[in-house]
Amino acid sequence: MRRLILLVVAACCASVVPAHAGPVTLVVATTAGQQYAPPTLVVPQGASLEFVQLDPSARHDIVSKYVVNRKAMFSTKGTAAFGGTLVVAGVEKLKPATYPFTCSIHNWMSGQLIVR
């Protein structure tokens, strides 16, 4: 399995992952300012996603704002403390589209996942 780990702490830039032959793991992180970095992720269909928690001041997670049958389309299981890493389950099953996400604890935190 190919694994790409991308830790970008830039609030204005989107992260784009080129198409690869195999699965790709993309990492989204939080910053001490309680924001996702990068706030926009572009991934190929079938990619997986990991969440790395780099904010020492609070716990965070990732939860899709879109819900199907009362269940988020993708999310982490639980929250992560500083230095923790969580798999964002369900991303690998998404069809091409744009999916907004948030932190279930801090509703002002938001990002978007673009699947191509």
PDB file of N, CA and C in Angstrom:
ATOM      1  N   MET A   1       0.848  -1.175   0.000  1.00  0.00           N
ATOM      2  CA  MET A   1       0.000   0.000   0.000  1.00  0.00           C
ATOM      3  C   MET A   1       0.891   1.234   0.000  1.00  0.00           C
ATOM      4  N   ARG A   2       0.569   2.165  -0.853  1.00  0.00           N
ATOM      5  CA  ARG A   2       1.280   3.435  -0.907  1.00  0.00           C
ATOM      6  C   ARG A   2       0.747   4.340   0.172  1.00  0.00           C
ATOM      7  N   ARG A   3       1.599   5.097   0.811  1.00  0.00           N
ATOM      8  CA  ARG A   3       1.151   5.956   1.900  1.00  0.00           C
ATOM      9  C   ARG A   3       1.789   7.326   1.727  1.00  0.00           C
ATOM     10  N   LEU A   4       0.949   8.326   1.632  1.00  0.00           N
ATOM     11  CA  LEU A   4       1.406   9.702   1.537  1.00  0.00           C
ATOM     12  C   LEU A   4       0.978  10.402   2.804  1.00  0.00           C
ATOM     13  N   ILE A   5       1.919  10.949   3.521  1.00  0.00           N
ATOM     14  CA  ILE A   5       1.587  11.700   4.725  1.00  0.00           C
ATOM     15  C   ILE A   5       1.884  13.155   4.439  1.00  0.00           C
ATOM     16  N   LEU A   6       0.868  13.967   4.590  1.00  0.00           N
ATOM     17  CA  LEU A   6       0.971  15.372   4.260  1.00  0.00           C
ATOM     18  C   LEU A   6       0.561  16.184   5.461  1.00  0.00           C
ATOM     19  N   LEU A   7       1.498  16.886   6.054  1.00  0.00           N
ATOM     20  CA  LEU A   7       1.204  17.771   7.171  1.00  0.00           C
ATOM     21  C   LEU A   7       1.500  19.187   6.712  1.00  0.00           C
ATOM     22  N   VAL A   8       0.455  19.893   6.386  1.00  0.00           N
ATOM     23  CA  VAL A   8       0.585  21.250   5.903  1.00  0.00           C
ATOM     24  C   VAL A   8      -0.092  22.166   6.901  1.00  0.00           C
ATOM     25  N   VAL A   9       0.629  23.129   7.400  1.00  0.00           N
ATOM     26  CA  VAL A   9       0.039  24.081   8.331  1.00  0.00           C
ATOM     27  C   VAL A   9      -0.035  25.409   7.606  1.00  0.00           C
ATOM     28  N   ALA A  10      -1.020  25.485   6.720  1.00  0.00           N
ATOM     29  CA  ALA A  10      -1.234  26.687   5.929  1.00  0.00           C
ATOM     30  C   ALA A  10      -2.727  26.892   5.803  1.00  0.00           C
ATOM     31  N   ALA A  11      -3.222  27.909   6.401  1.00  0.00           N
ATOM     32  CA  ALA A  11      -4.665  28.120   6.466  1.00  0.00           C
ATOM     33  C   ALA A  11      -5.285  28.480   5.125  1.00  0.00           C
ATOM     34  N   CYS A  12      -4.506  28.898   4.146  1.00  0.00           N
ATOM     35  CA  CYS A  12      -5.094  29.383   2.908  1.00  0.00           C
ATOM     36  C   CYS A  12      -4.974  28.410   1.748  1.00  0.00           C
ATOM     37  N   CYS A  13      -4.328  27.314   1.923  1.00  0.00           N
ATOM     38  CA  CYS A  13      -4.027  26.441   0.796  1.00  0.00           C
ATOM     39  C   CYS A  13      -4.811  25.143   0.848  1.00  0.00           C
ATOM     40  N   ALA A  14      -5.168  24.632  -0.333  1.00  0.00           N
ATOM     41  CA  ALA A  14      -5.795  23.315  -0.427  1.00  0.00           C
ATOM     42  C   ALA A  14      -4.702  22.285  -0.638  1.00  0.00           C
ATOM     43  N   SER A  15      -4.936  21.103  -0.153  1.00  0.00           N
ATOM     44  CA  SER A  15      -4.018  20.007  -0.368  1.00  0.00           C
ATOM     45  C   SER A  15      -4.585  19.145  -1.474  1.00  0.00           C
ATOM     46  N   VAL A  16      -3.813  18.927  -2.521  1.00  0.00           N
ATOM     47  CA  VAL A  16      -4.257  18.123  -3.640  1.00  0.00           C
ATOM     48  C   VAL A  16      -3.352  16.910  -3.745  1.00  0.00           C
ATOM     49  N   VAL A  17      -3.962  15.738  -3.803  1.00  0.00           N
ATOM     50  CA  VAL A  17      -3.207  14.501  -3.933  1.00  0.00           C
ATOM     51  C   VAL A  17      -3.390  13.997  -5.349  1.00  0.00           C
ATOM     52  N   PRO A  18      -2.282  13.798  -6.087  1.00  0.00           N
ATOM     53  CA  PRO A  18      -2.415  13.285  -7.442  1.00  0.00           C
ATOM     54  C   PRO A  18      -2.901  11.837  -7.427  1.00  0.00           C
ATOM     55  N   ALA A  19      -3.473  11.400  -8.541  1.00  0.00           N
ATOM     56  CA  ALA A  19      -3.938  10.022  -8.636  1.00  0.00           C
ATOM     57  C   ALA A  19      -2.749   9.074  -8.551  1.00  0.00           C
ATOM     58  N   HIS A  20      -2.935   7.976  -7.820  1.00  0.00           N
ATOM     59  CA  HIS A  20      -1.908   6.956  -7.666  1.00  0.00           C
ATOM     60  C   HIS A  20      -2.507   5.612  -8.033  1.00  0.00           C
ATOM     61  N   ALA A  21      -1.647   4.639  -8.253  1.00  0.00           N
ATOM     62  CA  ALA A  21      -2.110   3.309  -8.607  1.00  0.00           C
ATOM     63  C   ALA A  21      -2.805   2.610  -7.444  1.00  0.00           C
ATOM     64  N   GLY A  22      -2.386   2.888  -6.224  1.00  0.00           N
ATOM     65  CA  GLY A  22      -2.951   2.202  -5.067  1.00  0.00           C
ATOM     66  C   GLY A  22      -3.597   3.168  -4.109  1.00  0.00           C
ATOM     67  N   PRO A  23      -4.056   2.650  -2.966  1.00  0.00           N
ATOM     68  CA  PRO A  23      -4.671   3.521  -1.956  1.00  0.00           C
ATOM     69  C   PRO A  23      -3.696   4.570  -1.445  1.00  0.00           C
ATOM     70  N   VAL A  24      -4.210   5.700  -1.080  1.00  0.00           N
ATOM     71  CA  VAL A  24      -3.400   6.807  -0.571  1.00  0.00           C
ATOM     72  C   VAL A  24      -3.938   7.182   0.801  1.00  0.00           C
ATOM     73  N   THR A  25      -3.043   7.453   1.726  1.00  0.00           N
ATOM     74  CA  THR A  25      -3.467   7.966   3.022  1.00  0.00           C
ATOM     75  C   THR A  25      -3.063   9.423   3.090  1.00  0.00           C
ATOM     76  N   LEU A  26      -4.020  10.281   3.360  1.00  0.00           N
ATOM     77  CA  LEU A  26      -3.780  11.706   3.486  1.00  0.00           C
ATOM     78  C   LEU A  26      -4.033  12.088   4.926  1.00  0.00           C
ATOM     79  N   VAL A  27      -3.186  12.910   5.477  1.00  0.00           N
ATOM     80  CA  VAL A  27      -3.318  13.313   6.869  1.00  0.00           C
ATOM     81  C   VAL A  27      -3.775  14.759   6.943  1.00  0.00           C
ATOM     82  N   VAL A  28      -4.811  15.021   7.711  1.00  0.00           N
ATOM     83  CA  VAL A  28      -5.245  16.378   8.008  1.00  0.00           C
ATOM     84  C   VAL A  28      -4.955  16.608   9.480  1.00  0.00           C
ATOM     85  N   ALA A  29      -4.484  17.775   9.813  1.00  0.00           N
ATOM     86  CA  ALA A  29      -4.105  18.072  11.191  1.00  0.00           C
ATOM     87  C   ALA A  29      -4.851  19.295  11.700  1.00  0.00           C
ATOM     88  N   THR A  30      -4.869  19.446  13.006  1.00  0.00           N
ATOM     89  CA  THR A  30      -5.380  20.670  13.600  1.00  0.00           C
ATOM     90  C   THR A  30      -4.187  21.491  14.049  1.00  0.00           C
ATOM     91  N   THR A  31      -4.386  22.777  14.176  1.00  0.00           N
ATOM     92  CA  THR A  31      -3.334  23.654  14.658  1.00  0.00           C
ATOM     93  C   THR A  31      -3.764  24.223  16.004  1.00  0.00           C
ATOM     94  N   ALA A  32      -2.854  24.877  16.669  1.00  0.00           N
ATOM     95  CA  ALA A  32      -3.157  25.451  17.980  1.00  0.00           C
ATOM     96  C   ALA A  32      -4.275  26.498  17.908  1.00  0.00           C
ATOM     97  N   GLY A  33      -4.541  27.032  16.734  1.00  0.00           N
ATOM     98  CA  GLY A  33      -5.624  27.996  16.566  1.00  0.00           C
ATOM     99  C   GLY A  33      -6.981  27.340  16.390  1.00  0.00           C
ATOM    100  N   GLN A  34      -7.054  26.052  16.650  1.00  0.00           N
ATOM    101  CA  GLN A  34      -8.281  25.265  16.510  1.00  0.00           C
ATOM    102  C   GLN A  34      -8.882  25.407  15.119  1.00  0.00           C
ATOM    103  N   GLN A  35      -8.064  25.095  14.125  1.00  0.00           N
ATOM    104  CA  GLN A  35      -8.485  25.067  12.727  1.00  0.00           C
ATOM    105  C   GLN A  35      -7.891  23.825  12.082  1.00  0.00           C
ATOM    106  N   TYR A  36      -8.541  23.333  11.024  1.00  0.00           N
ATOM    107  CA  TYR A  36      -7.967  22.231  10.264  1.00  0.00           C
ATOM    108  C   TYR A  36      -6.912  22.771   9.312  1.00  0.00           C
ATOM    109  N   ALA A  37      -5.842  22.013   9.134  1.00  0.00           N
ATOM    110  CA  ALA A  37      -4.784  22.424   8.227  1.00  0.00           C
ATOM    111  C   ALA A  37      -4.398  21.225   7.367  1.00  0.00           C
ATOM    112  N   PRO A  38      -4.591  21.300   6.088  1.00  0.00           N
ATOM    113  CA  PRO A  38      -5.255  22.361   5.333  1.00  0.00           C
ATOM    114  C   PRO A  38      -6.771  22.254   5.496  1.00  0.00           C
ATOM    115  N   PRO A  39      -7.501  23.343   5.278  1.00  0.00           N
ATOM    116  CA  PRO A  39      -8.952  23.307   5.446  1.00  0.00           C
ATOM    117  C   PRO A  39      -9.685  22.630   4.284  1.00  0.00           C
ATOM    118  N   THR A  40      -9.021  22.507   3.133  1.00  0.00           N
ATOM    119  CA  THR A  40      -9.604  21.844   1.979  1.00  0.00           C
ATOM    120  C   THR A  40      -8.666  20.748   1.511  1.00  0.00           C
ATOM    121  N   LEU A  41      -9.211  19.552   1.370  1.00  0.00           N
ATOM    122  CA  LEU A  41      -8.439  18.396   0.910  1.00  0.00           C
ATOM    123  C   LEU A  41      -9.040  17.896  -0.386  1.00  0.00           C
ATOM    124  N   VAL A  42      -8.208  17.614  -1.374  1.00  0.00           N
ATOM    125  CA  VAL A  42      -8.664  17.035  -2.630  1.00  0.00           C
ATOM    126  C   VAL A  42      -7.998  15.669  -2.744  1.00  0.00           C
ATOM    127  N   VAL A  43      -8.829  14.620  -2.812  1.00  0.00           N
ATOM    128  CA  VAL A  43      -8.298  13.261  -2.839  1.00  0.00           C
ATOM    129  C   VAL A  43      -8.931  12.466  -3.971  1.00  0.00           C
ATOM    130  N   PRO A  44      -8.213  11.464  -4.474  1.00  0.00           N
ATOM    131  CA  PRO A  44      -8.824  10.588  -5.470  1.00  0.00           C
ATOM    132  C   PRO A  44      -9.835   9.660  -4.808  1.00  0.00           C
ATOM    133  N   GLN A  45     -10.819   9.260  -5.569  1.00  0.00           N
ATOM    134  CA  GLN A  45     -11.819   8.331  -5.049  1.00  0.00           C
ATOM    135  C   GLN A  45     -11.112   7.063  -4.570  1.00  0.00           C
ATOM    136  N   GLY A  46     -11.519   6.565  -3.410  1.00  0.00           N
ATOM    137  CA  GLY A  46     -10.926   5.369  -2.838  1.00  0.00           C
ATOM    138  C   GLY A  46      -9.805   5.632  -1.847  1.00  0.00           C
ATOM    139  N   ALA A  47      -9.380   6.898  -1.719  1.00  0.00           N
ATOM    140  CA  ALA A  47      -8.297   7.238  -0.795  1.00  0.00           C
ATOM    141  C   ALA A  47      -8.770   7.091   0.646  1.00  0.00           C
ATOM    142  N   SER A  48      -7.829   6.875   1.540  1.00  0.00           N
ATOM    143  CA  SER A  48      -8.146   6.842   2.963  1.00  0.00           C
ATOM    144  C   SER A  48      -7.652   8.141   3.595  1.00  0.00           C
ATOM    145  N   LEU A  49      -8.107   8.398   4.799  1.00  0.00           N
ATOM    146  CA  LEU A  49      -7.780   9.653   5.467  1.00  0.00           C
ATOM    147  C   LEU A  49      -7.463   9.390   6.926  1.00  0.00           C
ATOM    148  N   GLU A  50      -6.402  10.003   7.420  1.00  0.00           N
ATOM    149  CA  GLU A  50      -6.058   9.959   8.830  1.00  0.00           C
ATOM    150  C   GLU A  50      -6.076  11.374   9.378  1.00  0.00           C
ATOM    151  N   PHE A  51      -6.413  11.494  10.638  1.00  0.00           N
ATOM    152  CA  PHE A  51      -6.471  12.772  11.333  1.00  0.00           C
ATOM    153  C   PHE A  51      -5.391  12.786  12.407  1.00  0.00           C
ATOM    154  N   VAL A  52      -4.508  13.784  12.356  1.00  0.00           N
ATOM    155  CA  VAL A  52      -3.452  13.954  13.349  1.00  0.00           C
ATOM    156  C   VAL A  52      -3.781  15.185  14.167  1.00  0.00           C
ATOM    157  N   GLN A  53      -3.837  15.044  15.460  1.00  0.00           N
ATOM    158  CA  GLN A  53      -4.261  16.120  16.348  1.00  0.00           C
ATOM    159  C   GLN A  53      -3.025  16.846  16.886  1.00  0.00           C
ATOM    160  N   LEU A  54      -2.801  18.055  16.421  1.00  0.00           N
ATOM    161  CA  LEU A  54      -1.622  18.830  16.810  1.00  0.00           C
ATOM    162  C   LEU A  54      -1.959  20.050  17.661  1.00  0.00           C
ATOM    163  N   ASP A  55      -3.152  20.100  18.207  1.00  0.00           N
ATOM    164  CA  ASP A  55      -3.562  21.212  19.054  1.00  0.00           C
ATOM    165  C   ASP A  55      -3.421  20.792  20.517  1.00  0.00           C
ATOM    166  N   PRO A  56      -2.481  21.390  21.261  1.00  0.00           N
ATOM    167  CA  PRO A  56      -2.279  20.989  22.655  1.00  0.00           C
ATOM    168  C   PRO A  56      -3.363  21.503  23.604  1.00  0.00           C
ATOM    169  N   SER A  57      -4.255  22.362  23.120  1.00  0.00           N
ATOM    170  CA  SER A  57      -5.219  22.996  24.021  1.00  0.00           C
ATOM    171  C   SER A  57      -6.568  22.278  24.136  1.00  0.00           C
ATOM    172  N   ALA A  58      -6.871  21.321  23.233  1.00  0.00           N
ATOM    173  CA  ALA A  58      -8.197  20.695  23.267  1.00  0.00           C
ATOM    174  C   ALA A  58      -8.194  19.385  22.492  1.00  0.00           C
ATOM    175  N   ARG A  59      -9.230  18.592  22.690  1.00  0.00           N
ATOM    176  CA  ARG A  59      -9.454  17.371  21.913  1.00  0.00           C
ATOM    177  C   ARG A  59     -10.255  17.734  20.668  1.00  0.00           C
ATOM    178  N   HIS A  60     -10.059  16.992  19.576  1.00  0.00           N
ATOM    179  CA  HIS A  60     -10.771  17.249  18.324  1.00  0.00           C
ATOM    180  C   HIS A  60     -11.108  15.944  17.619  1.00  0.00           C
ATOM    181  N   ASP A  61     -11.992  16.051  16.631  1.00  0.00           N
ATOM    182  CA  ASP A  61     -12.330  14.937  15.764  1.00  0.00           C
ATOM    183  C   ASP A  61     -12.717  15.478  14.400  1.00  0.00           C
ATOM    184  N   ILE A  62     -13.142  14.600  13.516  1.00  0.00           N
ATOM    185  CA  ILE A  62     -13.662  14.972  12.203  1.00  0.00           C
ATOM    186  C   ILE A  62     -14.988  14.244  12.028  1.00  0.00           C
ATOM    187  N   VAL A  63     -16.025  15.000  11.671  1.00  0.00           N
ATOM    188  CA  VAL A  63     -17.349  14.430  11.437  1.00  0.00           C
ATOM    189  C   VAL A  63     -17.943  15.082  10.192  1.00  0.00           C
ATOM    190  N   SER A  64     -18.410  14.260   9.269  1.00  0.00           N
ATOM    191  CA  SER A  64     -19.081  14.763   8.076  1.00  0.00           C
ATOM    192  C   SER A  64     -20.320  15.558   8.466  1.00  0.00           C
ATOM    193  N   LYS A  65     -20.555  16.649   7.772  1.00  0.00           N
ATOM    194  CA  LYS A  65     -21.796  17.395   7.986  1.00  0.00           C
ATOM    195  C   LYS A  65     -22.963  16.727   7.264  1.00  0.00           C
ATOM    196  N   TYR A  66     -22.668  15.851   6.299  1.00  0.00           N
ATOM    197  CA  TYR A  66     -23.716  15.123   5.593  1.00  0.00           C
ATOM    198  C   TYR A  66     -24.017  13.833   6.345  1.00  0.00           C
ATOM    199  N   VAL A  67     -25.288  13.558   6.495  1.00  0.00           N
ATOM    200  CA  VAL A  67     -25.757  12.405   7.258  1.00  0.00           C
ATOM    201  C   VAL A  67     -26.661  11.554   6.369  1.00  0.00           C
ATOM    202  N   VAL A  68     -26.499  10.234   6.459  1.00  0.00           N
ATOM    203  CA  VAL A  68     -27.355   9.293   5.751  1.00  0.00           C
ATOM    204  C   VAL A  68     -27.892   8.316   6.795  1.00  0.00           C
ATOM    205  N   ASN A  69     -29.204   8.165   6.849  1.00  0.00           N
ATOM    206  CA  ASN A  69     -29.836   7.297   7.852  1.00  0.00           C
ATOM    207  C   ASN A  69     -29.363   7.617   9.265  1.00  0.00           C
ATOM    208  N   ARG A  70     -29.297   8.896   9.569  1.00  0.00           N
ATOM    209  CA  ARG A  70     -28.894   9.408  10.888  1.00  0.00           C
ATOM    210  C   ARG A  70     -27.455   9.075  11.272  1.00  0.00           C
ATOM    211  N   LYS A  71     -26.626   8.802  10.285  1.00  0.00           N
ATOM    212  CA  LYS A  71     -25.216   8.494  10.535  1.00  0.00           C
ATOM    213  C   LYS A  71     -24.345   9.352   9.623  1.00  0.00           C
ATOM    214  N   ALA A  72     -23.289   9.941  10.197  1.00  0.00           N
ATOM    215  CA  ALA A  72     -22.361  10.752   9.400  1.00  0.00           C
ATOM    216  C   ALA A  72     -21.760   9.897   8.285  1.00  0.00           C
ATOM    217  N   MET A  73     -21.569  10.500   7.103  1.00  0.00           N
ATOM    218  CA  MET A  73     -21.008   9.761   5.975  1.00  0.00           C
ATOM    219  C   MET A  73     -19.575   9.316   6.241  1.00  0.00           C
ATOM    220  N   PHE A  74     -18.833  10.092   7.037  1.00  0.00           N
ATOM    221  CA  PHE A  74     -17.484   9.711   7.457  1.00  0.00           C
ATOM    222  C   PHE A  74     -17.200  10.387   8.783  1.00  0.00           C
ATOM    223  N   SER A  75     -16.357   9.772   9.592  1.00  0.00           N
ATOM    224  CA  SER A  75     -16.001  10.352  10.889  1.00  0.00           C
ATOM    225  C   SER A  75     -14.883   9.554  11.538  1.00  0.00           C
ATOM    226  N   THR A  76     -14.272  10.169  12.542  1.00  0.00           N
ATOM    227  CA  THR A  76     -13.342   9.443  13.395  1.00  0.00           C
ATOM    228  C   THR A  76     -14.156   8.763  14.485  1.00  0.00           C
ATOM    229  N   LYS A  77     -13.593   7.728  15.063  1.00  0.00           N
ATOM    230  CA  LYS A  77     -14.241   7.096  16.223  1.00  0.00           C
ATOM    231  C   LYS A  77     -13.671   7.762  17.452  1.00  0.00           C
ATOM    232  N   GLY A  78     -14.444   8.661  18.025  1.00  0.00           N
ATOM    233  CA  GLY A  78     -13.979   9.376  19.200  1.00  0.00           C
ATOM    234  C   GLY A  78     -13.162  10.599  18.854  1.00  0.00           C
ATOM    235  N   THR A  79     -12.568  11.178  19.882  1.00  0.00           N
ATOM    236  CA  THR A  79     -11.745  12.376  19.722  1.00  0.00           C
ATOM    237  C   THR A  79     -10.298  12.039  20.029  1.00  0.00           C
ATOM    238  N   ALA A  80      -9.398  12.892  19.572  1.00  0.00           N
ATOM    239  CA  ALA A  80      -7.971  12.687  19.810  1.00  0.00           C
ATOM    240  C   ALA A  80      -7.409  13.828  20.636  1.00  0.00           C
ATOM    241  N   ALA A  81      -6.544  13.489  21.565  1.00  0.00           N
ATOM    242  CA  ALA A  81      -5.784  14.474  22.321  1.00  0.00           C
ATOM    243  C   ALA A  81      -4.535  14.834  21.520  1.00  0.00           C
ATOM    244  N   PHE A  82      -3.783  15.799  21.996  1.00  0.00           N
ATOM    245  CA  PHE A  82      -2.556  16.251  21.330  1.00  0.00           C
ATOM    246  C   PHE A  82      -1.642  15.062  21.001  1.00  0.00           C
ATOM    247  N   GLY A  83      -1.222  14.995  19.750  1.00  0.00           N
ATOM    248  CA  GLY A  83      -0.320  13.931  19.299  1.00  0.00           C
ATOM    249  C   GLY A  83      -1.019  12.666  18.848  1.00  0.00           C
ATOM    250  N   GLY A  84      -2.339  12.596  19.016  1.00  0.00           N
ATOM    251  CA  GLY A  84      -3.078  11.400  18.630  1.00  0.00           C
ATOM    252  C   GLY A  84      -3.386  11.353  17.145  1.00  0.00           C
ATOM    253  N   THR A  85      -3.558  10.144  16.639  1.00  0.00           N
ATOM    254  CA  THR A  85      -3.909   9.929  15.240  1.00  0.00           C
ATOM    255  C   THR A  85      -5.129   9.021  15.183  1.00  0.00           C
ATOM    256  N   LEU A  86      -6.097   9.396  14.361  1.00  0.00           N
ATOM    257  CA  LEU A  86      -7.317   8.611  14.189  1.00  0.00           C
ATOM    258  C   LEU A  86      -7.593   8.398  12.709  1.00  0.00           C
ATOM    259  N   VAL A  87      -8.099   7.234  12.356  1.00  0.00           N
ATOM    260  CA  VAL A  87      -8.563   6.969  10.998  1.00  0.00           C
ATOM    261  C   VAL A  87      -9.924   7.630  10.833  1.00  0.00           C
ATOM    262  N   VAL A  88     -10.137   8.260   9.681  1.00  0.00           N
ATOM    263  CA  VAL A  88     -11.436   8.846   9.358  1.00  0.00           C
ATOM    264  C   VAL A  88     -12.185   7.797   8.538  1.00  0.00           C
ATOM    265  N   ALA A  89     -13.028   7.035   9.211  1.00  0.00           N
ATOM    266  CA  ALA A  89     -13.733   5.912   8.587  1.00  0.00           C
ATOM    267  C   ALA A  89     -14.787   6.394   7.604  1.00  0.00           C
ATOM    268  N   GLY A  90     -14.884   5.707   6.473  1.00  0.00           N
ATOM    269  CA  GLY A  90     -15.906   5.997   5.478  1.00  0.00           C
ATOM    270  C   GLY A  90     -15.433   6.801   4.287  1.00  0.00           C
ATOM    271  N   VAL A  91     -14.288   7.455   4.379  1.00  0.00           N
ATOM    272  CA  VAL A  91     -13.793   8.291   3.277  1.00  0.00           C
ATOM    273  C   VAL A  91     -13.538   7.455   2.027  1.00  0.00           C
ATOM    274  N   GLU A  92     -13.016   6.263   2.202  1.00  0.00           N
ATOM    275  CA  GLU A  92     -12.665   5.407   1.068  1.00  0.00           C
ATOM    276  C   GLU A  92     -13.896   4.973   0.261  1.00  0.00           C
ATOM    277  N   LYS A  93     -15.091   5.126   0.814  1.00  0.00           N
ATOM    278  CA  LYS A  93     -16.325   4.717   0.136  1.00  0.00           C
ATOM    279  C   LYS A  93     -17.050   5.871  -0.554  1.00  0.00           C
ATOM    280  N   LEU A  94     -16.535   7.090  -0.429  1.00  0.00           N
ATOM    281  CA  LEU A  94     -17.229   8.263  -0.967  1.00  0.00           C
ATOM    282  C   LEU A  94     -17.145   8.349  -2.483  1.00  0.00           C
ATOM    283  N   LYS A  95     -18.213   8.819  -3.085  1.00  0.00           N
ATOM    284  CA  LYS A  95     -18.252   9.079  -4.522  1.00  0.00           C
ATOM    285  C   LYS A  95     -17.717  10.494  -4.782  1.00  0.00           C
ATOM    286  N   PRO A  96     -17.283  10.794  -6.003  1.00  0.00           N
ATOM    287  CA  PRO A  96     -16.798  12.138  -6.306  1.00  0.00           C
ATOM    288  C   PRO A  96     -17.834  13.213  -5.978  1.00  0.00           C
ATOM    289  N   ALA A  97     -17.436  14.147  -5.150  1.00  0.00           N
ATOM    290  CA  ALA A  97     -18.284  15.261  -4.714  1.00  0.00           C
ATOM    291  C   ALA A  97     -17.485  16.063  -3.688  1.00  0.00           C
ATOM    292  N   THR A  98     -18.100  17.118  -3.166  1.00  0.00           N
ATOM    293  CA  THR A  98     -17.505  17.918  -2.091  1.00  0.00           C
ATOM    294  C   THR A  98     -18.284  17.645  -0.813  1.00  0.00           C
ATOM    295  N   TYR A  99     -17.550  17.338   0.253  1.00  0.00           N
ATOM    296  CA  TYR A  99     -18.153  16.963   1.530  1.00  0.00           C
ATOM    297  C   TYR A  99     -17.631  17.881   2.640  1.00  0.00           C
ATOM    298  N   PRO A 100     -18.473  18.687   3.241  1.00  0.00           N
ATOM    299  CA  PRO A 100     -18.036  19.520   4.362  1.00  0.00           C
ATOM    300  C   PRO A 100     -17.906  18.675   5.632  1.00  0.00           C
ATOM    301  N   PHE A 101     -16.966  19.066   6.501  1.00  0.00           N
ATOM    302  CA  PHE A 101     -16.815  18.380   7.781  1.00  0.00           C
ATOM    303  C   PHE A 101     -16.557  19.386   8.889  1.00  0.00           C
ATOM    304  N   THR A 102     -16.694  18.930  10.130  1.00  0.00           N
ATOM    305  CA  THR A 102     -16.542  19.780  11.295  1.00  0.00           C
ATOM    306  C   THR A 102     -15.969  18.977  12.448  1.00  0.00           C
ATOM    307  N   CYS A 103     -15.695  19.661  13.532  1.00  0.00           N
ATOM    308  CA  CYS A 103     -15.330  19.038  14.804  1.00  0.00           C
ATOM    309  C   CYS A 103     -16.616  18.980  15.634  1.00  0.00           C
ATOM    310  N   SER A 104     -16.941  17.821  16.184  1.00  0.00           N
ATOM    311  CA  SER A 104     -18.189  17.701  16.937  1.00  0.00           C
ATOM    312  C   SER A 104     -18.170  18.494  18.244  1.00  0.00           C
ATOM    313  N   ILE A 105     -16.986  18.844  18.716  1.00  0.00           N
ATOM    314  CA  ILE A 105     -16.857  19.613  19.964  1.00  0.00           C
ATOM    315  C   ILE A 105     -16.826  21.114  19.681  1.00  0.00           C
ATOM    316  N   HIS A 106     -16.170  21.501  18.592  1.00  0.00           N
ATOM    317  CA  HIS A 106     -15.960  22.922  18.254  1.00  0.00           C
ATOM    318  C   HIS A 106     -16.610  23.198  16.897  1.00  0.00           C
ATOM    319  N   ASN A 107     -17.877  23.604  16.904  1.00  0.00           N
ATOM    320  CA  ASN A 107     -18.617  23.735  15.654  1.00  0.00           C
ATOM    321  C   ASN A 107     -18.118  24.844  14.731  1.00  0.00           C
ATOM    322  N   TRP A 108     -17.248  25.726  15.202  1.00  0.00           N
ATOM    323  CA  TRP A 108     -16.680  26.754  14.319  1.00  0.00           C
ATOM    324  C   TRP A 108     -15.551  26.193  13.457  1.00  0.00           C
ATOM    325  N   MET A 109     -15.021  25.049  13.831  1.00  0.00           N
ATOM    326  CA  MET A 109     -13.987  24.413  13.011  1.00  0.00           C
ATOM    327  C   MET A 109     -14.668  23.745  11.822  1.00  0.00           C
ATOM    328  N   SER A 110     -14.168  24.024  10.633  1.00  0.00           N
ATOM    329  CA  SER A 110     -14.774  23.389   9.457  1.00  0.00           C
ATOM    330  C   SER A 110     -13.729  23.193   8.375  1.00  0.00           C
ATOM    331  N   GLY A 111     -14.035  22.277   7.505  1.00  0.00           N
ATOM    332  CA  GLY A 111     -13.174  21.980   6.367  1.00  0.00           C
ATOM    333  C   GLY A 111     -14.021  21.332   5.292  1.00  0.00           C
ATOM    334  N   GLN A 112     -13.394  21.030   4.176  1.00  0.00           N
ATOM    335  CA  GLN A 112     -14.109  20.315   3.124  1.00  0.00           C
ATOM    336  C   GLN A 112     -13.199  19.304   2.471  1.00  0.00           C
ATOM    337  N   LEU A 113     -13.787  18.188   2.153  1.00  0.00           N
ATOM    338  CA  LEU A 113     -13.109  17.100   1.476  1.00  0.00           C
ATOM    339  C   LEU A 113     -13.681  17.012   0.070  1.00  0.00           C
ATOM    340  N   ILE A 114     -12.826  17.142  -0.923  1.00  0.00           N
ATOM    341  CA  ILE A 114     -13.247  17.042  -2.314  1.00  0.00           C
ATOM    342  C   ILE A 114     -12.727  15.714  -2.846  1.00  0.00           C
ATOM    343  N   VAL A 115     -13.638  14.843  -3.246  1.00  0.00           N
ATOM    344  CA  VAL A 115     -13.278  13.547  -3.800  1.00  0.00           C
ATOM    345  C   VAL A 115     -13.421  13.642  -5.316  1.00  0.00           C
ATOM    346  N   ARG A 116     -12.364  13.266  -6.032  1.00  0.00           N
ATOM    347  CA  ARG A 116     -12.385  13.317  -7.507  1.00  0.00           C
ATOM    348  C   ARG A 116     -12.214  11.945  -8.092  1.00  0.00           C
TER     349      ARG A 116
END
